[in-house]
Amino acid sequence: MKLIFSSDKRLSEDTRMMKRLYRAESSDYATESFIFALQYLWFHEDKWLELARIDNYEHEKGRIGVHIHKFGTHFVEFREMSFTEAEQFALAVGEKIKQKILLGDYDGKN
């Protein structure tokens, strides 16, 4: 893989969005010629927590496609979306999880 783009953008004092985009050298890693990962991070209780990650890396049992990892769970949701759509979705999911944690209403399932 060849790195095309990487950024670590501070969204606020306690949140960041990390983005990486690679060109795939073979079809072993993804169905697309590009591989990406987006991470919504929140600084809470003296550590950075990954609240949401969306990527199209190979997942369990060789399944390939865009999927969403959410804080506190091993379950992933596969969903078709572009790199640009994934960025907006990661932001929305991360913010929702952050608010639920602050309200004491997050159990990793909602």
Protein backbone atom coordinates (compact mmCIF):
# COMPACT_ATOMS: atom_id res chain seq x y z
CA MET A 1 0.00 0.00 0.00
CA LYS A 2 1.12 3.54 -0.68
CA LEU A 3 0.00 6.38 1.62
CA ILE A 4 -1.73 9.11 -0.38
CA PHE A 5 -3.15 11.27 2.38
CA SER A 6 -2.95 11.47 6.16
CA SER A 7 -4.27 14.05 8.60
CA ASP A 8 -4.90 14.44 12.30
CA LYS A 9 -7.33 17.33 12.66
CA ARG A 10 -8.23 18.80 16.03
CA LEU A 11 -12.01 19.35 16.01
CA SER A 12 -12.13 20.84 19.50
CA GLU A 13 -10.03 20.85 22.65
CA ASP A 14 -10.95 17.23 23.34
CA THR A 15 -11.81 15.72 19.94
CA ARG A 16 -9.81 14.76 16.84
CA MET A 17 -10.49 13.21 13.46
CA MET A 18 -7.68 11.14 12.00
CA LYS A 19 -7.83 10.26 8.30
CA ARG A 20 -5.66 8.00 6.17
CA LEU A 21 -6.05 7.13 2.50
CA TYR A 22 -3.89 4.55 0.71
CA ARG A 23 -3.63 3.26 -2.84
CA ALA A 24 -3.93 -0.51 -2.81
CA GLU A 25 -1.25 -2.35 -4.74
CA SER A 26 -3.33 -5.50 -5.03
CA SER A 27 -6.91 -6.59 -4.58
CA ASP A 28 -5.93 -8.61 -1.52
CA TYR A 29 -6.82 -5.77 0.84
CA ALA A 30 -9.99 -4.21 -0.52
CA THR A 31 -12.56 -4.34 -3.28
CA GLU A 32 -11.58 -0.80 -4.25
CA SER A 33 -8.22 0.49 -5.43
CA PHE A 34 -8.17 2.76 -2.38
CA ILE A 35 -8.08 1.79 1.28
CA PHE A 36 -9.06 4.24 3.99
CA ALA A 37 -9.51 4.64 7.72
CA LEU A 38 -11.19 7.43 9.67
CA GLN A 39 -11.07 7.66 13.46
CA TYR A 40 -13.08 9.91 15.75
CA LEU A 41 -11.09 10.31 18.99
CA TRP A 42 -12.17 11.88 22.29
CA PHE A 43 -9.88 12.79 25.19
CA HIS A 44 -11.64 11.59 28.33
CA GLU A 45 -10.25 10.76 31.77
CA ASP A 46 -6.63 11.35 30.70
CA LYS A 47 -6.65 9.16 27.59
CA TRP A 48 -7.68 9.27 23.94
CA LEU A 49 -10.64 6.97 23.26
CA GLU A 50 -11.53 5.80 19.77
CA LEU A 51 -15.30 6.31 19.74
CA ALA A 52 -15.78 5.50 16.07
CA ARG A 53 -13.63 4.08 13.29
CA ILE A 54 -14.73 3.53 9.73
CA ASP A 55 -12.47 1.66 7.35
CA ASN A 56 -12.54 -0.65 4.38
CA TYR A 57 -9.73 -2.94 5.52
CA GLU A 58 -10.23 -6.68 5.43
CA HIS A 59 -12.25 -7.78 8.44
CA GLU A 60 -12.93 -11.09 10.14
CA LYS A 61 -13.03 -14.22 8.00
CA GLY A 62 -11.73 -12.30 4.98
CA ARG A 63 -14.78 -10.08 4.57
CA ILE A 64 -13.90 -6.87 2.75
CA GLY A 65 -15.91 -3.66 2.64
CA VAL A 66 -16.63 -0.42 4.46
CA HIS A 67 -17.51 -1.08 8.07
CA ILE A 68 -17.98 0.85 11.31
CA HIS A 69 -16.36 0.05 14.66
CA LYS A 70 -18.02 1.64 17.72
CA PHE A 71 -16.53 2.16 21.16
CA GLY A 72 -17.20 -0.58 23.66
CA THR A 73 -18.24 -3.31 21.24
CA HIS A 74 -16.57 -5.85 18.94
CA PHE A 75 -19.53 -5.85 16.57
CA VAL A 76 -19.05 -4.02 13.27
CA GLU A 77 -21.68 -2.80 10.86
CA PHE A 78 -20.98 -3.09 7.12
CA ARG A 79 -22.38 -0.22 5.07
CA GLU A 80 -21.72 1.12 1.57
CA MET A 81 -20.31 4.65 1.61
CA SER A 82 -17.57 6.74 0.05
CA PHE A 83 -14.56 8.19 1.86
CA THR A 84 -16.33 11.57 2.06
CA GLU A 85 -19.57 10.04 3.35
CA ALA A 86 -17.58 7.98 5.87
CA GLU A 87 -16.00 11.12 7.32
CA GLN A 88 -19.39 12.70 8.01
CA PHE A 89 -20.77 9.45 9.38
CA ALA A 90 -17.77 8.91 11.72
CA LEU A 91 -18.25 12.44 13.04
CA ALA A 92 -21.98 11.88 13.67
CA VAL A 93 -21.48 8.48 15.31
CA GLY A 94 -18.59 9.74 17.45
CA GLU A 95 -20.55 12.76 18.65
CA LYS A 96 -23.58 10.61 19.48
CA ILE A 97 -21.48 8.15 21.50
CA LYS A 98 -19.69 11.00 23.29
CA GLN A 99 -22.99 12.59 24.34
CA LYS A 100 -24.39 9.28 25.55
CA ILE A 101 -21.25 8.61 27.62
CA LEU A 102 -21.50 12.08 29.16
CA LEU A 103 -25.14 11.43 30.04
CA GLY A 104 -24.29 8.00 31.45
CA ASP A 105 -26.51 6.38 28.83
CA TYR A 106 -24.01 4.44 26.67
CA ASP A 107 -23.86 0.68 26.86
CA GLY A 108 -22.06 -0.07 23.58
CA LYS A 109 -25.28 -1.13 21.90
CA ASN A 110 -27.03 2.17 21.16
